[in-house]
C-alpha cells in the first residue's frame, strides 16, 4: 500500500545524515521511544545500509514503515509508532 506522504503529518523529524550504521536506526529508536502511539517519525539518512535496517526494524518492532524513498541521494523513512 502506498501512502501519499505530502498529506501525512509528521510529528518528529530526525536528521541522521552523516551517521554510519547502526546509528541512524538507534537514533530513530530513541525518537520513537519518546513518541506516543500513532505519531509519525520522518528520518533522513545517508547510510545505504539503513534501507535494510529500517525495513527489518519495522518488521520486528511492529512500527509501521509507511514509506521509504531516495531523494537527492538521501534515504527518507516515515515510520508510524505502534499502539
N, C-alpha and C. Protein backbone atom coordinates (compact mmCIF):
# COMPACT_ATOMS: atom_id res chain seq x y z
N UNK A 1 0.85 -1.18 0.00
CA UNK A 1 0.00 0.00 0.00
C UNK A 1 0.89 1.24 0.00
N UNK A 2 0.62 2.15 -0.87
CA UNK A 2 1.39 3.38 -0.96
C UNK A 2 0.65 4.50 -0.23
N UNK A 3 1.40 5.28 0.51
CA UNK A 3 0.83 6.39 1.26
C UNK A 3 1.31 7.68 0.62
N UNK A 4 0.41 8.62 0.43
CA UNK A 4 0.79 9.92 -0.13
C UNK A 4 1.38 10.75 1.00
N UNK A 5 2.69 10.84 1.02
CA UNK A 5 3.42 11.45 2.12
C UNK A 5 3.14 12.95 2.25
N UNK A 6 2.90 13.63 1.16
CA UNK A 6 2.71 15.08 1.24
C UNK A 6 1.50 15.44 2.09
N UNK A 7 0.57 14.50 2.28
CA UNK A 7 -0.61 14.78 3.09
C UNK A 7 -0.50 14.16 4.48
N UNK A 8 0.63 13.59 4.78
CA UNK A 8 0.84 12.91 6.05
C UNK A 8 1.50 13.86 7.05
N UNK A 9 0.86 14.11 8.18
CA UNK A 9 1.50 14.98 9.17
C UNK A 9 2.70 14.26 9.79
N UNK A 10 3.79 14.98 9.96
CA UNK A 10 4.99 14.43 10.58
C UNK A 10 5.11 15.08 11.96
N UNK A 11 5.21 14.24 12.98
CA UNK A 11 5.28 14.74 14.35
C UNK A 11 6.71 15.01 14.80
N UNK A 12 7.66 14.18 14.34
CA UNK A 12 9.06 14.31 14.74
C UNK A 12 9.94 14.13 13.52
N UNK A 13 10.92 15.02 13.35
CA UNK A 13 11.91 14.93 12.28
C UNK A 13 13.24 14.52 12.88
N UNK A 14 13.94 13.60 12.22
CA UNK A 14 15.26 13.17 12.68
C UNK A 14 16.23 13.24 11.51
N UNK A 15 17.26 14.06 11.67
CA UNK A 15 18.30 14.18 10.65
C UNK A 15 19.47 13.29 11.08
N UNK A 16 19.61 12.15 10.40
CA UNK A 16 20.68 11.20 10.72
C UNK A 16 21.73 11.17 9.61
N UNK A 17 21.77 12.24 8.80
CA UNK A 17 22.76 12.29 7.72
C UNK A 17 24.17 12.33 8.30
N UNK A 18 25.06 11.59 7.64
CA UNK A 18 26.44 11.54 8.08
C UNK A 18 26.73 10.48 9.14
N UNK A 19 25.69 9.85 9.67
CA UNK A 19 25.87 8.80 10.67
C UNK A 19 25.95 7.44 9.98
N UNK A 20 26.85 6.60 10.47
CA UNK A 20 27.01 5.25 9.92
C UNK A 20 26.24 4.25 10.74
N UNK A 21 25.93 3.13 10.12
CA UNK A 21 25.23 2.02 10.75
C UNK A 21 25.96 1.63 12.04
N UNK A 22 25.28 1.45 13.14
CA UNK A 22 23.83 1.36 13.33
C UNK A 22 23.21 2.64 13.87
N UNK A 23 23.95 3.76 13.83
CA UNK A 23 23.47 4.99 14.48
C UNK A 23 22.15 5.54 13.95
N UNK A 24 21.89 5.56 12.63
CA UNK A 24 20.58 6.08 12.20
C UNK A 24 19.41 5.32 12.82
N UNK A 25 19.54 4.01 12.88
CA UNK A 25 18.46 3.20 13.47
C UNK A 25 18.38 3.41 14.99
N UNK A 26 19.50 3.48 15.66
CA UNK A 26 19.49 3.71 17.11
C UNK A 26 18.86 5.06 17.45
N UNK A 27 19.19 6.08 16.68
CA UNK A 27 18.60 7.41 16.91
C UNK A 27 17.09 7.38 16.65
N UNK A 28 16.68 6.64 15.62
CA UNK A 28 15.25 6.51 15.33
C UNK A 28 14.53 5.80 16.47
N UNK A 29 15.13 4.75 17.00
CA UNK A 29 14.53 4.03 18.14
C UNK A 29 14.36 4.96 19.33
N UNK A 30 15.38 5.78 19.61
CA UNK A 30 15.30 6.73 20.72
C UNK A 30 14.16 7.72 20.49
N UNK A 31 14.03 8.20 19.27
CA UNK A 31 12.96 9.15 18.96
C UNK A 31 11.60 8.49 19.14
N UNK A 32 11.45 7.27 18.63
CA UNK A 32 10.17 6.56 18.75
C UNK A 32 9.81 6.32 20.21
N UNK A 33 10.80 6.05 21.04
CA UNK A 33 10.54 5.81 22.47
C UNK A 33 9.93 7.03 23.15
N UNK A 34 10.22 8.22 22.64
CA UNK A 34 9.69 9.44 23.22
C UNK A 34 8.38 9.91 22.59
N UNK A 35 7.84 9.11 21.68
CA UNK A 35 6.62 9.49 20.97
C UNK A 35 5.43 8.69 21.48
N UNK A 36 4.23 9.16 21.17
CA UNK A 36 3.02 8.42 21.53
C UNK A 36 2.53 7.63 20.32
N UNK A 37 1.78 6.57 20.59
CA UNK A 37 1.27 5.70 19.54
C UNK A 37 0.51 6.51 18.49
N UNK A 38 0.78 6.18 17.23
CA UNK A 38 0.10 6.84 16.12
C UNK A 38 0.85 8.02 15.54
N UNK A 39 1.86 8.51 16.26
CA UNK A 39 2.64 9.63 15.73
C UNK A 39 3.58 9.14 14.64
N UNK A 40 4.00 10.07 13.78
CA UNK A 40 4.85 9.74 12.64
C UNK A 40 6.22 10.37 12.79
N UNK A 41 7.24 9.55 12.53
CA UNK A 41 8.64 9.97 12.57
C UNK A 41 9.17 9.98 11.14
N UNK A 42 9.82 11.07 10.76
CA UNK A 42 10.48 11.18 9.46
C UNK A 42 11.97 11.19 9.71
N UNK A 43 12.68 10.22 9.12
CA UNK A 43 14.12 10.09 9.28
C UNK A 43 14.79 10.34 7.93
N UNK A 44 15.87 11.12 7.94
CA UNK A 44 16.70 11.32 6.75
C UNK A 44 18.09 10.79 7.09
N UNK A 45 18.59 9.87 6.25
CA UNK A 45 19.90 9.26 6.48
C UNK A 45 20.69 9.23 5.18
N UNK A 46 22.02 9.08 5.30
CA UNK A 46 22.87 8.96 4.12
C UNK A 46 23.51 7.58 4.03
N UNK A 47 23.36 6.76 5.04
CA UNK A 47 23.93 5.42 5.06
C UNK A 47 23.05 4.46 4.26
N UNK A 48 23.61 3.90 3.17
CA UNK A 48 22.84 2.99 2.31
C UNK A 48 22.36 1.76 3.06
N UNK A 49 23.09 1.33 4.08
CA UNK A 49 22.68 0.17 4.87
C UNK A 49 21.40 0.41 5.65
N UNK A 50 21.03 1.68 5.79
CA UNK A 50 19.80 1.99 6.54
C UNK A 50 18.56 1.45 5.83
N UNK A 51 18.62 1.25 4.52
CA UNK A 51 17.45 0.72 3.81
C UNK A 51 17.07 -0.65 4.36
N UNK A 52 18.04 -1.53 4.49
CA UNK A 52 17.80 -2.86 5.03
C UNK A 52 17.41 -2.76 6.51
N UNK A 53 18.14 -1.92 7.25
CA UNK A 53 17.92 -1.80 8.69
C UNK A 53 16.51 -1.34 9.03
N UNK A 54 16.03 -0.31 8.36
CA UNK A 54 14.70 0.23 8.69
C UNK A 54 13.59 -0.73 8.30
N UNK A 55 13.74 -1.42 7.18
CA UNK A 55 12.74 -2.40 6.76
C UNK A 55 12.64 -3.52 7.80
N UNK A 56 13.77 -4.05 8.19
CA UNK A 56 13.81 -5.16 9.15
C UNK A 56 13.32 -4.69 10.52
N UNK A 57 13.73 -3.51 10.95
CA UNK A 57 13.29 -2.97 12.23
C UNK A 57 11.77 -2.86 12.29
N UNK A 58 11.16 -2.36 11.22
CA UNK A 58 9.70 -2.23 11.18
C UNK A 58 9.03 -3.61 11.31
N UNK A 59 9.57 -4.59 10.60
CA UNK A 59 9.01 -5.95 10.67
C UNK A 59 9.07 -6.51 12.09
N UNK A 60 10.18 -6.29 12.77
CA UNK A 60 10.39 -6.88 14.09
C UNK A 60 9.74 -6.09 15.23
N UNK A 61 9.65 -4.77 15.08
CA UNK A 61 9.19 -3.92 16.18
C UNK A 61 7.68 -3.71 16.21
N UNK A 62 7.04 -3.89 15.07
CA UNK A 62 5.61 -3.60 15.00
C UNK A 62 5.30 -2.18 14.56
N UNK A 63 6.31 -1.32 14.51
CA UNK A 63 6.10 0.03 13.98
C UNK A 63 5.87 -0.09 12.47
N UNK A 64 5.08 0.79 11.92
CA UNK A 64 4.72 0.71 10.51
C UNK A 64 5.64 1.61 9.68
N UNK A 65 6.35 1.00 8.73
CA UNK A 65 7.14 1.77 7.78
C UNK A 65 6.18 2.22 6.68
N UNK A 66 5.76 3.47 6.77
CA UNK A 66 4.76 3.99 5.83
C UNK A 66 5.33 4.16 4.43
N UNK A 67 6.59 4.59 4.38
CA UNK A 67 7.20 4.88 3.08
C UNK A 67 8.71 4.96 3.27
N UNK A 68 9.43 4.56 2.24
CA UNK A 68 10.87 4.81 2.19
C UNK A 68 11.18 5.26 0.77
N UNK A 69 11.97 6.30 0.67
CA UNK A 69 12.31 6.88 -0.63
C UNK A 69 13.74 7.35 -0.63
N UNK A 70 14.33 7.38 -1.82
CA UNK A 70 15.63 8.00 -2.01
C UNK A 70 15.37 9.32 -2.74
N UNK A 71 15.72 10.41 -2.09
CA UNK A 71 15.50 11.74 -2.65
C UNK A 71 16.81 12.51 -2.60
N UNK A 72 17.30 12.94 -3.75
CA UNK A 72 18.55 13.71 -3.83
C UNK A 72 19.71 13.01 -3.13
N UNK A 73 19.76 11.68 -3.23
CA UNK A 73 20.85 10.91 -2.64
C UNK A 73 20.70 10.61 -1.16
N UNK A 74 19.65 11.13 -0.52
CA UNK A 74 19.39 10.84 0.89
C UNK A 74 18.28 9.80 0.99
N UNK A 75 18.34 9.01 2.04
CA UNK A 75 17.33 7.98 2.29
C UNK A 75 16.33 8.53 3.30
N UNK A 76 15.06 8.51 2.92
CA UNK A 76 13.99 9.05 3.75
C UNK A 76 13.08 7.91 4.20
N UNK A 77 12.71 7.94 5.48
CA UNK A 77 11.83 6.92 6.04
C UNK A 77 10.75 7.60 6.87
N UNK A 78 9.53 7.11 6.71
CA UNK A 78 8.42 7.59 7.51
C UNK A 78 7.88 6.40 8.29
N UNK A 79 7.96 6.48 9.60
CA UNK A 79 7.50 5.40 10.47
C UNK A 79 6.38 5.89 11.36
N UNK A 80 5.36 5.05 11.52
CA UNK A 80 4.27 5.35 12.46
C UNK A 80 4.48 4.49 13.70
N UNK A 81 4.51 5.14 14.86
CA UNK A 81 4.72 4.41 16.11
C UNK A 81 3.55 3.48 16.37
N UNK A 82 3.88 2.26 16.77
CA UNK A 82 2.88 1.23 17.05
C UNK A 82 2.07 1.59 18.29
N UNK A 83 0.88 1.02 18.36
CA UNK A 83 0.00 1.20 19.53
C UNK A 83 0.55 0.48 20.74
